[in-house]
Amino acid sequence: MTDPDTASPSPPPRHLAHPVFSASRVATIAAGTVTQLIRMKTFYFLLAFALLVVAVGNFNIPATPAKELSMIKKVAFGTMDLFAWLFAIVSTALLIPRDEEDRTLYTILSKPVRRIEYLVGKLCGVLVILAISLLAMFAICAVMISMRESAFISAELSSMLSQERYSEDEIRQQIGLIQAQGMRPELAVAVLASFLKAAVVAVVTIFLSTFASSSLFTIIVSILIFLIGHAHSMATNFWLAETENNILVRMGAKVIRILIPDYQLFAFSEGIVLGEPVVWGLVVQMALITAGYLLVFLLLSLLVFVDKEF
């Protein structure tokens, strides 16, 4: 029997090594980001959007009901897209500088949290708020468009039936034209396109905020990159035509396409809003391109972020 006094002490328990990447830590940072954005009263812009959509819906346009519905949809979904990318820029540009000012960033990184987890968590929190905001704006648009569609159909039916000179086929055809420009499930794909574009805008803004001197600088540069990203394809084609496909211009154009996302790729949603059918292969392609942009700019953000002293 072993004497307890002479027994060798048991070795101290080994501490488990922290995983390279923890989804739970990312989820915790994302949840904190959502709470932070809510406290910043970022949802107030939904009130402005609702008022604008209601105003557009009640504006009488001298056109046929189908054309009027088409115009209302175009303005409403265009405004939704504008609000989404502006929100992505402003909210994301404030996150890292505010965490640094409040010393929250130092507290988080002093714990077993890797910097890539912090960046991914911040991005996921912004994407959650973006998704909620777009769903809320889509619901507002759906209610307004459905109400206008019902009003147009009722007015058109009353007018055509009172004249007693239209056949059932003509009435059905006219109502079909209105319904084709009304509320359709395919419009949700246009909302998805706005979300994908806003996600790319958000990750580019995160990259800029890792080395920018202020939030204002980040916002201004992000907006400039967004505008350039809508026009650089057209500008590149113009330069190539003017310089007769000069090799230096072609190399410069490729560098610009790599560094600045081509936001014009997401313009396929405009056709869906106007009633064109959904090309699902294109939707999948755009989702993969968005995932590629997110991965590239997160890695670029990490390269800058790891060298910063906190």
C-alpha atoms as a PDB file:
ATOM      1  CA  MET A   1       0.000   0.000   0.000  1.00  0.00           C
ATOM      2  CA  THR A   2       1.397   3.373  -0.956  1.00  0.00           C
ATOM      3  CA  ASP A   3       2.047   5.823   1.840  1.00  0.00           C
ATOM      4  CA  PRO A   4       0.069   9.015   1.125  1.00  0.00           C
ATOM      5  CA  ASP A   5       2.873  11.089   2.637  1.00  0.00           C
ATOM      6  CA  THR A   6       5.467   9.710   0.237  1.00  0.00           C
ATOM      7  CA  ALA A   7       3.247   9.538  -2.836  1.00  0.00           C
ATOM      8  CA  SER A   8       4.370  11.741  -5.686  1.00  0.00           C
ATOM      9  CA  PRO A   9       2.100  14.720  -6.330  1.00  0.00           C
ATOM     10  CA  SER A  10      -0.213  14.421  -9.286  1.00  0.00           C
ATOM     11  CA  PRO A  11       0.806  16.530 -12.301  1.00  0.00           C
ATOM     12  CA  PRO A  12      -1.095  19.789 -12.740  1.00  0.00           C
ATOM     13  CA  PRO A  13      -3.953  19.627 -15.221  1.00  0.00           C
ATOM     14  CA  ARG A  14      -3.064  20.689 -18.706  1.00  0.00           C
ATOM     15  CA  HIS A  15      -4.871  23.665 -20.122  1.00  0.00           C
ATOM     16  CA  LEU A  16      -6.523  22.903 -23.385  1.00  0.00           C
ATOM     17  CA  ALA A  17      -5.107  24.856 -26.301  1.00  0.00           C
ATOM     18  CA  HIS A  18      -7.451  27.392 -27.765  1.00  0.00           C
ATOM     19  CA  PRO A  19      -8.753  26.496 -31.215  1.00  0.00           C
ATOM     20  CA  VAL A  20      -7.436  28.399 -34.184  1.00  0.00           C
ATOM     21  CA  PHE A  21     -10.935  29.616 -35.003  1.00  0.00           C
ATOM     22  CA  SER A  22     -13.966  29.467 -32.736  1.00  0.00           C
ATOM     23  CA  ALA A  23     -17.475  29.929 -34.140  1.00  0.00           C
ATOM     24  CA  SER A  24     -18.826  30.532 -30.635  1.00  0.00           C
ATOM     25  CA  ARG A  25     -16.468  33.465 -30.076  1.00  0.00           C
ATOM     26  CA  VAL A  26     -17.433  34.884 -33.478  1.00  0.00           C
ATOM     27  CA  ALA A  27     -21.116  34.511 -32.562  1.00  0.00           C
ATOM     28  CA  THR A  28     -20.530  36.325 -29.257  1.00  0.00           C
ATOM     29  CA  ILE A  29     -18.796  39.251 -30.994  1.00  0.00           C
ATOM     30  CA  ALA A  30     -21.529  39.330 -33.672  1.00  0.00           C
ATOM     31  CA  ALA A  31     -24.250  39.447 -31.001  1.00  0.00           C
ATOM     32  CA  GLY A  32     -22.414  42.289 -29.258  1.00  0.00           C
ATOM     33  CA  THR A  33     -22.148  44.139 -32.575  1.00  0.00           C
ATOM     34  CA  VAL A  34     -25.888  43.776 -33.177  1.00  0.00           C
ATOM     35  CA  THR A  35     -26.587  45.178 -29.697  1.00  0.00           C
ATOM     36  CA  GLN A  36     -24.112  48.007 -30.299  1.00  0.00           C
ATOM     37  CA  LEU A  37     -25.759  48.990 -33.596  1.00  0.00           C
ATOM     38  CA  ILE A  38     -29.225  48.877 -32.043  1.00  0.00           C
ATOM     39  CA  ARG A  39     -28.058  51.166 -29.224  1.00  0.00           C
ATOM     40  CA  MET A  40     -26.729  53.541 -31.877  1.00  0.00           C
ATOM     41  CA  LYS A  41     -30.374  53.832 -33.070  1.00  0.00           C
ATOM     42  CA  THR A  42     -29.497  52.692 -36.558  1.00  0.00           C
ATOM     43  CA  PHE A  43     -33.056  51.528 -37.238  1.00  0.00           C
ATOM     44  CA  TYR A  44     -34.369  55.104 -37.289  1.00  0.00           C
ATOM     45  CA  PHE A  45     -33.686  55.252 -41.016  1.00  0.00           C
ATOM     46  CA  LEU A  46     -36.525  52.734 -41.525  1.00  0.00           C
ATOM     47  CA  LEU A  47     -38.984  55.467 -40.536  1.00  0.00           C
ATOM     48  CA  ALA A  48     -37.582  57.759 -43.233  1.00  0.00           C
ATOM     49  CA  PHE A  49     -37.767  54.898 -45.744  1.00  0.00           C
ATOM     50  CA  ALA A  50     -41.384  54.132 -44.834  1.00  0.00           C
ATOM     51  CA  LEU A  51     -42.420  57.763 -45.201  1.00  0.00           C
ATOM     52  CA  LEU A  52     -40.661  58.000 -48.573  1.00  0.00           C
ATOM     53  CA  VAL A  53     -42.266  54.801 -49.902  1.00  0.00           C
ATOM     54  CA  VAL A  54     -45.729  55.872 -48.759  1.00  0.00           C
ATOM     55  CA  ALA A  55     -45.227  59.258 -50.440  1.00  0.00           C
ATOM     56  CA  VAL A  56     -44.157  57.586 -53.699  1.00  0.00           C
ATOM     57  CA  GLY A  57     -47.072  55.159 -53.523  1.00  0.00           C
ATOM     58  CA  ASN A  58     -49.595  57.971 -53.199  1.00  0.00           C
ATOM     59  CA  PHE A  59     -48.068  60.062 -55.951  1.00  0.00           C
ATOM     60  CA  ASN A  60     -50.293  60.106 -59.043  1.00  0.00           C
ATOM     61  CA  ILE A  61     -48.323  59.493 -62.241  1.00  0.00           C
ATOM     62  CA  PRO A  62     -50.005  60.237 -65.593  1.00  0.00           C
ATOM     63  CA  ALA A  63     -49.597  56.723 -67.030  1.00  0.00           C
ATOM     64  CA  THR A  64     -51.343  53.398 -67.329  1.00  0.00           C
ATOM     65  CA  PRO A  65     -51.774  51.410 -64.084  1.00  0.00           C
ATOM     66  CA  ALA A  66     -49.116  48.892 -65.157  1.00  0.00           C
ATOM     67  CA  LYS A  67     -46.563  51.629 -65.930  1.00  0.00           C
ATOM     68  CA  GLU A  68     -47.400  53.439 -62.710  1.00  0.00           C
ATOM     69  CA  LEU A  69     -46.842  50.262 -60.675  1.00  0.00           C
ATOM     70  CA  SER A  70     -43.571  49.673 -62.513  1.00  0.00           C
ATOM     71  CA  MET A  71     -42.400  53.192 -61.694  1.00  0.00           C
ATOM     72  CA  ILE A  72     -43.392  52.830 -58.027  1.00  0.00           C
ATOM     73  CA  LYS A  73     -41.475  49.545 -57.752  1.00  0.00           C
ATOM     74  CA  LYS A  74     -38.408  50.995 -59.426  1.00  0.00           C
ATOM     75  CA  VAL A  75     -38.292  53.966 -57.058  1.00  0.00           C
ATOM     76  CA  ALA A  76     -39.053  51.870 -53.956  1.00  0.00           C
ATOM     77  CA  PHE A  77     -36.467  49.169 -54.651  1.00  0.00           C
ATOM     78  CA  GLY A  78     -33.905  51.723 -55.818  1.00  0.00           C
ATOM     79  CA  THR A  79     -34.358  53.581 -52.534  1.00  0.00           C
ATOM     80  CA  MET A  80     -34.044  50.301 -50.639  1.00  0.00           C
ATOM     81  CA  ASP A  81     -30.750  49.585 -52.388  1.00  0.00           C
ATOM     82  CA  LEU A  82     -29.498  53.114 -51.625  1.00  0.00           C
ATOM     83  CA  PHE A  83     -30.388  52.843 -47.947  1.00  0.00           C
ATOM     84  CA  ALA A  84     -28.741  49.397 -47.707  1.00  0.00           C
ATOM     85  CA  TRP A  85     -25.302  50.355 -49.006  1.00  0.00           C
ATOM     86  CA  LEU A  86     -25.279  53.696 -47.202  1.00  0.00           C
ATOM     87  CA  PHE A  87     -26.160  51.934 -43.955  1.00  0.00           C
ATOM     88  CA  ALA A  88     -23.440  49.340 -44.627  1.00  0.00           C
ATOM     89  CA  ILE A  89     -20.841  52.092 -45.002  1.00  0.00           C
ATOM     90  CA  VAL A  90     -21.837  54.330 -42.099  1.00  0.00           C
ATOM     91  CA  SER A  91     -22.480  51.607 -39.520  1.00  0.00           C
ATOM     92  CA  THR A  92     -19.346  49.603 -40.361  1.00  0.00           C
ATOM     93  CA  ALA A  93     -17.100  52.675 -40.425  1.00  0.00           C
ATOM     94  CA  LEU A  94     -18.068  53.504 -36.833  1.00  0.00           C
ATOM     95  CA  LEU A  95     -17.516  50.080 -35.262  1.00  0.00           C
ATOM     96  CA  ILE A  96     -13.752  49.624 -34.924  1.00  0.00           C
ATOM     97  CA  PRO A  97     -12.953  53.304 -34.108  1.00  0.00           C
ATOM     98  CA  ARG A  98     -15.706  53.339 -31.457  1.00  0.00           C
ATOM     99  CA  ASP A  99     -14.416  50.105 -29.918  1.00  0.00           C
ATOM    100  CA  GLU A 100     -10.965  51.659 -29.798  1.00  0.00           C
ATOM    101  CA  GLU A 101     -12.232  54.870 -28.204  1.00  0.00           C
ATOM    102  CA  ASP A 102     -14.271  52.978 -25.592  1.00  0.00           C
ATOM    103  CA  ARG A 103     -11.314  50.641 -24.876  1.00  0.00           C
ATOM    104  CA  THR A 104     -13.629  47.747 -25.714  1.00  0.00           C
ATOM    105  CA  LEU A 105     -11.229  46.571 -28.411  1.00  0.00           C
ATOM    106  CA  TYR A 106      -8.395  46.254 -25.878  1.00  0.00           C
ATOM    107  CA  THR A 107     -10.603  44.251 -23.529  1.00  0.00           C
ATOM    108  CA  ILE A 108     -11.694  41.862 -26.269  1.00  0.00           C
ATOM    109  CA  LEU A 109      -8.200  41.253 -27.658  1.00  0.00           C
ATOM    110  CA  SER A 110      -6.742  40.757 -24.174  1.00  0.00           C
ATOM    111  CA  LYS A 111      -8.898  37.634 -23.940  1.00  0.00           C
ATOM    112  CA  PRO A 112      -8.353  34.466 -25.992  1.00  0.00           C
ATOM    113  CA  VAL A 113      -9.945  36.041 -29.045  1.00  0.00           C
ATOM    114  CA  ARG A 114      -8.064  36.011 -32.307  1.00  0.00           C
ATOM    115  CA  ARG A 115      -8.103  39.075 -34.495  1.00  0.00           C
ATOM    116  CA  ILE A 116      -9.703  37.243 -37.419  1.00  0.00           C
ATOM    117  CA  GLU A 117     -12.524  36.227 -35.067  1.00  0.00           C
ATOM    118  CA  TYR A 118     -13.018  39.852 -34.085  1.00  0.00           C
ATOM    119  CA  LEU A 119     -13.187  40.981 -37.732  1.00  0.00           C
ATOM    120  CA  VAL A 120     -15.501  38.152 -38.798  1.00  0.00           C
ATOM    121  CA  GLY A 121     -17.713  38.756 -35.762  1.00  0.00           C
ATOM    122  CA  LYS A 122     -18.021  42.461 -36.553  1.00  0.00           C
ATOM    123  CA  LEU A 123     -18.861  41.708 -40.186  1.00  0.00           C
ATOM    124  CA  CYS A 124     -21.451  39.087 -39.229  1.00  0.00           C
ATOM    125  CA  GLY A 125     -23.105  41.521 -36.819  1.00  0.00           C
ATOM    126  CA  VAL A 126     -23.390  44.140 -39.556  1.00  0.00           C
ATOM    127  CA  LEU A 127     -24.779  41.536 -41.979  1.00  0.00           C
ATOM    128  CA  VAL A 128     -27.441  40.494 -39.457  1.00  0.00           C
ATOM    129  CA  ILE A 129     -28.587  44.108 -39.052  1.00  0.00           C
ATOM    130  CA  LEU A 130     -28.519  44.556 -42.831  1.00  0.00           C
ATOM    131  CA  ALA A 131     -30.656  41.453 -43.332  1.00  0.00           C
ATOM    132  CA  ILE A 132     -33.203  42.600 -40.736  1.00  0.00           C
ATOM    133  CA  SER A 133     -33.323  46.095 -42.245  1.00  0.00           C
ATOM    134  CA  LEU A 134     -33.803  44.810 -45.804  1.00  0.00           C
ATOM    135  CA  LEU A 135     -36.540  42.411 -44.707  1.00  0.00           C
ATOM    136  CA  ALA A 136     -38.310  45.263 -42.925  1.00  0.00           C
ATOM    137  CA  MET A 137     -38.004  47.521 -45.992  1.00  0.00           C
ATOM    138  CA  PHE A 138     -39.197  44.700 -48.249  1.00  0.00           C
ATOM    139  CA  ALA A 139     -42.241  44.198 -46.024  1.00  0.00           C
ATOM    140  CA  ILE A 140     -43.051  47.920 -46.255  1.00  0.00           C
ATOM    141  CA  CYS A 141     -42.693  47.806 -50.055  1.00  0.00           C
ATOM    142  CA  ALA A 142     -44.793  44.634 -50.306  1.00  0.00           C
ATOM    143  CA  VAL A 143     -47.674  46.150 -48.341  1.00  0.00           C
ATOM    144  CA  MET A 144     -47.624  49.385 -50.335  1.00  0.00           C
ATOM    145  CA  ILE A 145     -47.337  47.686 -53.758  1.00  0.00           C
ATOM    146  CA  SER A 146     -50.061  45.159 -52.899  1.00  0.00           C
ATOM    147  CA  MET A 147     -52.409  47.938 -51.826  1.00  0.00           C
ATOM    148  CA  ARG A 148     -51.768  49.914 -55.006  1.00  0.00           C
ATOM    149  CA  GLU A 149     -52.133  46.790 -57.141  1.00  0.00           C
ATOM    150  CA  SER A 150     -55.519  45.979 -55.576  1.00  0.00           C
ATOM    151  CA  ALA A 151     -56.678  49.577 -56.032  1.00  0.00           C
ATOM    152  CA  PHE A 152     -55.607  49.603 -59.704  1.00  0.00           C
ATOM    153  CA  ILE A 153     -57.292  46.275 -60.436  1.00  0.00           C
ATOM    154  CA  SER A 154     -60.552  47.374 -58.795  1.00  0.00           C
ATOM    155  CA  ALA A 155     -60.563  50.691 -60.664  1.00  0.00           C
ATOM    156  CA  GLU A 156     -59.721  49.009 -63.984  1.00  0.00           C
ATOM    157  CA  LEU A 157     -62.410  46.355 -63.558  1.00  0.00           C
ATOM    158  CA  SER A 158     -65.040  48.941 -62.688  1.00  0.00           C
ATOM    159  CA  SER A 159     -64.087  51.091 -65.665  1.00  0.00           C
ATOM    160  CA  MET A 160     -64.022  48.247 -68.207  1.00  0.00           C
ATOM    161  CA  LEU A 161     -67.175  46.571 -66.979  1.00  0.00           C
ATOM    162  CA  SER A 162     -69.120  49.825 -66.962  1.00  0.00           C
ATOM    163  CA  GLN A 163     -68.384  50.425 -70.645  1.00  0.00           C
ATOM    164  CA  GLU A 164     -69.703  46.996 -71.687  1.00  0.00           C
ATOM    165  CA  ARG A 165     -67.569  46.886 -74.819  1.00  0.00           C
ATOM    166  CA  TYR A 166     -64.685  44.789 -73.579  1.00  0.00           C
ATOM    167  CA  SER A 167     -64.625  41.015 -73.887  1.00  0.00           C
ATOM    168  CA  GLU A 168     -63.581  38.749 -71.035  1.00  0.00           C
ATOM    169  CA  ASP A 169     -60.276  38.059 -72.760  1.00  0.00           C
ATOM    170  CA  GLU A 170     -59.512  41.784 -73.048  1.00  0.00           C
ATOM    171  CA  ILE A 171     -60.390  42.336 -69.394  1.00  0.00           C
ATOM    172  CA  ARG A 172     -58.265  39.363 -68.344  1.00  0.00           C
ATOM    173  CA  GLN A 173     -55.362  40.618 -70.456  1.00  0.00           C
ATOM    174  CA  GLN A 174     -55.504  44.109 -68.953  1.00  0.00           C
ATOM    175  CA  ILE A 175     -55.670  42.753 -65.404  1.00  0.00           C
ATOM    176  CA  GLY A 176     -52.753  40.449 -66.215  1.00  0.00           C
ATOM    177  CA  LEU A 177     -50.622  43.431 -67.265  1.00  0.00           C
ATOM    178  CA  ILE A 178     -51.271  45.058 -63.897  1.00  0.00           C
ATOM    179  CA  GLN A 179     -50.555  41.863 -61.963  1.00  0.00           C
ATOM    180  CA  ALA A 180     -47.295  41.346 -63.873  1.00  0.00           C
ATOM    181  CA  GLN A 181     -46.049  44.666 -62.455  1.00  0.00           C
ATOM    182  CA  GLY A 182     -47.490  44.016 -59.000  1.00  0.00           C
ATOM    183  CA  MET A 183     -46.170  42.129 -56.019  1.00  0.00           C
ATOM    184  CA  ARG A 184     -44.410  38.908 -57.099  1.00  0.00           C
ATOM    185  CA  PRO A 185     -42.334  36.410 -55.078  1.00  0.00           C
ATOM    186  CA  GLU A 186     -39.413  36.962 -57.500  1.00  0.00           C
ATOM    187  CA  LEU A 187     -38.950  40.435 -56.055  1.00  0.00           C
ATOM    188  CA  ALA A 188     -37.321  38.785 -53.035  1.00  0.00           C
ATOM    189  CA  VAL A 189     -34.357  37.995 -55.334  1.00  0.00           C
ATOM    190  CA  ALA A 190     -33.919  41.749 -55.927  1.00  0.00           C
ATOM    191  CA  VAL A 191     -33.713  42.168 -52.147  1.00  0.00           C
ATOM    192  CA  LEU A 192     -31.095  39.400 -52.039  1.00  0.00           C
ATOM    193  CA  ALA A 193     -29.080  41.273 -54.693  1.00  0.00           C
ATOM    194  CA  SER A 194     -29.174  44.414 -52.531  1.00  0.00           C
ATOM    195  CA  PHE A 195     -28.002  42.352 -49.547  1.00  0.00           C
ATOM    196  CA  LEU A 196     -25.092  40.861 -51.505  1.00  0.00           C
ATOM    197  CA  LYS A 197     -23.992  44.296 -52.710  1.00  0.00           C
ATOM    198  CA  ALA A 198     -24.276  45.770 -49.193  1.00  0.00           C
ATOM    199  CA  ALA A 199     -22.245  42.846 -47.817  1.00  0.00           C
ATOM    200  CA  VAL A 200     -19.393  43.618 -50.219  1.00  0.00           C
ATOM    201  CA  VAL A 201     -19.622  47.318 -49.313  1.00  0.00           C
ATOM    202  CA  ALA A 202     -19.446  46.403 -45.597  1.00  0.00           C
ATOM    203  CA  VAL A 203     -16.346  44.213 -45.928  1.00  0.00           C
ATOM    204  CA  VAL A 204     -14.554  46.873 -48.001  1.00  0.00           C
ATOM    205  CA  THR A 205     -15.389  49.424 -45.295  1.00  0.00           C
ATOM    206  CA  ILE A 206     -14.022  47.108 -42.601  1.00  0.00           C
ATOM    207  CA  PHE A 207     -10.790  46.839 -44.575  1.00  0.00           C
ATOM    208  CA  LEU A 208     -10.526  50.629 -44.796  1.00  0.00           C
ATOM    209  CA  SER A 209     -11.320  51.111 -41.110  1.00  0.00           C
ATOM    210  CA  THR A 210      -8.376  48.895 -40.087  1.00  0.00           C
ATOM    211  CA  PHE A 211      -5.899  51.569 -41.184  1.00  0.00           C
ATOM    212  CA  ALA A 212      -7.983  54.766 -41.626  1.00  0.00           C
ATOM    213  CA  SER A 213      -7.282  57.698 -39.353  1.00  0.00           C
ATOM    214  CA  SER A 214     -10.957  58.501 -38.686  1.00  0.00           C
ATOM    215  CA  SER A 215     -14.505  57.284 -39.315  1.00  0.00           C
ATOM    216  CA  LEU A 216     -15.193  60.270 -41.572  1.00  0.00           C
ATOM    217  CA  PHE A 217     -12.231  59.380 -43.773  1.00  0.00           C
ATOM    218  CA  THR A 218     -13.460  55.773 -43.972  1.00  0.00           C
ATOM    219  CA  ILE A 219     -16.973  56.855 -44.968  1.00  0.00           C
ATOM    220  CA  ILE A 220     -15.747  59.260 -47.663  1.00  0.00           C
ATOM    221  CA  VAL A 221     -13.298  56.765 -49.195  1.00  0.00           C
ATOM    222  CA  SER A 222     -15.883  53.953 -49.060  1.00  0.00           C
ATOM    223  CA  ILE A 223     -18.389  56.088 -50.944  1.00  0.00           C
ATOM    224  CA  LEU A 224     -15.739  57.000 -53.528  1.00  0.00           C
ATOM    225  CA  ILE A 225     -14.841  53.326 -53.998  1.00  0.00           C
ATOM    226  CA  PHE A 226     -18.521  52.500 -54.363  1.00  0.00           C
ATOM    227  CA  LEU A 227     -18.971  55.134 -57.064  1.00  0.00           C
ATOM    228  CA  ILE A 228     -15.799  54.027 -58.859  1.00  0.00           C
ATOM    229  CA  GLY A 229     -16.965  50.415 -58.622  1.00  0.00           C
ATOM    230  CA  HIS A 230     -20.104  51.345 -60.547  1.00  0.00           C
ATOM    231  CA  ALA A 231     -18.205  53.147 -63.283  1.00  0.00           C
ATOM    232  CA  HIS A 232     -14.815  51.500 -63.684  1.00  0.00           C
ATOM    233  CA  SER A 233     -16.047  48.910 -66.232  1.00  0.00           C
ATOM    234  CA  MET A 234     -17.342  51.666 -68.479  1.00  0.00           C
ATOM    235  CA  ALA A 235     -14.214  53.770 -67.924  1.00  0.00           C
ATOM    236  CA  THR A 236     -11.956  50.778 -68.626  1.00  0.00           C
ATOM    237  CA  ASN A 237     -13.702  50.045 -71.916  1.00  0.00           C
ATOM    238  CA  PHE A 238     -13.361  53.705 -72.891  1.00  0.00           C
ATOM    239  CA  TRP A 239      -9.637  53.810 -72.043  1.00  0.00           C
ATOM    240  CA  LEU A 240      -8.978  50.576 -73.932  1.00  0.00           C
ATOM    241  CA  ALA A 241     -10.764  51.918 -77.000  1.00  0.00           C
ATOM    242  CA  GLU A 242      -8.929  55.251 -76.846  1.00  0.00           C
ATOM    243  CA  THR A 243      -5.477  53.699 -76.345  1.00  0.00           C
ATOM    244  CA  GLU A 244      -6.009  50.906 -78.892  1.00  0.00           C
ATOM    245  CA  ASN A 245      -5.788  48.139 -76.284  1.00  0.00           C
ATOM    246  CA  ASN A 246      -2.481  49.316 -74.851  1.00  0.00           C
ATOM    247  CA  ILE A 247      -0.866  46.639 -72.678  1.00  0.00           C
ATOM    248  CA  LEU A 248      -0.174  49.073 -69.802  1.00  0.00           C
ATOM    249  CA  VAL A 249      -3.789  50.200 -69.787  1.00  0.00           C
ATOM    250  CA  ARG A 250      -4.940  46.577 -69.779  1.00  0.00           C
ATOM    251  CA  MET A 251      -2.660  45.786 -66.812  1.00  0.00           C
ATOM    252  CA  GLY A 252      -3.879  48.866 -64.958  1.00  0.00           C
ATOM    253  CA  ALA A 253      -7.488  47.911 -65.637  1.00  0.00           C
ATOM    254  CA  LYS A 254      -6.900  44.424 -64.205  1.00  0.00           C
ATOM    255  CA  VAL A 255      -5.348  45.891 -61.057  1.00  0.00           C
ATOM    256  CA  ILE A 256      -8.341  48.207 -60.594  1.00  0.00           C
ATOM    257  CA  ARG A 257     -10.777  45.316 -61.060  1.00  0.00           C
ATOM    258  CA  ILE A 258      -8.940  43.349 -58.380  1.00  0.00           C
ATOM    259  CA  LEU A 259      -8.700  46.187 -55.850  1.00  0.00           C
ATOM    260  CA  ILE A 260     -12.141  47.738 -56.442  1.00  0.00           C
ATOM    261  CA  PRO A 261     -15.220  45.487 -56.573  1.00  0.00           C
ATOM    262  CA  ASP A 262     -17.389  45.763 -59.668  1.00  0.00           C
ATOM    263  CA  TYR A 263     -20.687  46.777 -58.101  1.00  0.00           C
ATOM    264  CA  GLN A 264     -22.312  46.973 -61.508  1.00  0.00           C
ATOM    265  CA  LEU A 265     -22.475  43.162 -61.462  1.00  0.00           C
ATOM    266  CA  PHE A 266     -25.328  43.394 -58.969  1.00  0.00           C
ATOM    267  CA  ALA A 267     -27.457  45.466 -61.354  1.00  0.00           C
ATOM    268  CA  PHE A 268     -29.228  42.288 -62.533  1.00  0.00           C
ATOM    269  CA  SER A 269     -31.848  43.031 -59.865  1.00  0.00           C
ATOM    270  CA  GLU A 270     -33.159  45.978 -61.910  1.00  0.00           C
ATOM    271  CA  GLY A 271     -34.549  43.634 -64.559  1.00  0.00           C
ATOM    272  CA  ILE A 272     -36.273  41.519 -61.896  1.00  0.00           C
ATOM    273  CA  VAL A 273     -37.950  44.615 -60.448  1.00  0.00           C
ATOM    274  CA  LEU A 274     -39.253  45.512 -63.916  1.00  0.00           C
ATOM    275  CA  GLY A 275     -40.757  42.061 -64.423  1.00  0.00           C
ATOM    276  CA  GLU A 276     -38.034  40.015 -66.118  1.00  0.00           C
ATOM    277  CA  PRO A 277     -37.680  36.322 -65.122  1.00  0.00           C
ATOM    278  CA  VAL A 278     -35.080  35.248 -62.575  1.00  0.00           C
ATOM    279  CA  VAL A 279     -31.958  33.552 -63.953  1.00  0.00           C
ATOM    280  CA  TRP A 280     -31.019  31.324 -61.030  1.00  0.00           C
ATOM    281  CA  GLY A 281     -27.613  30.477 -62.450  1.00  0.00           C
ATOM    282  CA  LEU A 282     -26.745  34.168 -62.367  1.00  0.00           C
ATOM    283  CA  VAL A 283     -27.986  34.463 -58.786  1.00  0.00           C
ATOM    284  CA  VAL A 284     -25.750  31.564 -57.687  1.00  0.00           C
ATOM    285  CA  GLN A 285     -22.814  33.085 -59.579  1.00  0.00           C
ATOM    286  CA  MET A 286     -23.300  36.428 -57.825  1.00  0.00           C
ATOM    287  CA  ALA A 287     -23.485  34.697 -54.437  1.00  0.00           C
ATOM    288  CA  LEU A 288     -20.153  32.973 -55.143  1.00  0.00           C
ATOM    289  CA  ILE A 289     -18.572  36.243 -56.329  1.00  0.00           C
ATOM    290  CA  THR A 290     -19.776  37.921 -53.120  1.00  0.00           C
ATOM    291  CA  ALA A 291     -18.274  35.118 -51.025  1.00  0.00           C
ATOM    292  CA  GLY A 292     -14.986  35.615 -52.881  1.00  0.00           C
ATOM    293  CA  TYR A 293     -14.991  39.354 -52.188  1.00  0.00           C
ATOM    294  CA  LEU A 294     -15.719  38.728 -48.500  1.00  0.00           C
ATOM    295  CA  LEU A 295     -12.859  36.248 -48.193  1.00  0.00           C
ATOM    296  CA  VAL A 296     -10.313  38.439 -50.021  1.00  0.00           C
ATOM    297  CA  PHE A 297     -11.083  41.639 -48.133  1.00  0.00           C
ATOM    298  CA  LEU A 298     -11.247  39.856 -44.768  1.00  0.00           C
ATOM    299  CA  LEU A 299      -7.759  38.467 -45.400  1.00  0.00           C
ATOM    300  CA  LEU A 300      -6.528  41.929 -46.447  1.00  0.00           C
ATOM    301  CA  SER A 301      -8.089  43.384 -43.284  1.00  0.00           C
ATOM    302  CA  LEU A 302      -6.337  40.742 -41.186  1.00  0.00           C
ATOM    303  CA  LEU A 303      -2.961  41.532 -42.772  1.00  0.00           C
ATOM    304  CA  VAL A 304      -3.326  45.153 -41.687  1.00  0.00           C
ATOM    305  CA  PHE A 305      -4.996  44.416 -38.345  1.00  0.00           C
ATOM    306  CA  VAL A 306      -2.362  41.971 -37.039  1.00  0.00           C
ATOM    307  CA  ASP A 307       0.331  44.631 -37.251  1.00  0.00           C
ATOM    308  CA  LYS A 308      -1.577  47.141 -35.148  1.00  0.00           C
ATOM    309  CA  GLU A 309      -0.686  47.364 -31.479  1.00  0.00           C
ATOM    310  CA  PHE A 310      -3.605  47.170 -29.078  1.00  0.00           C
END
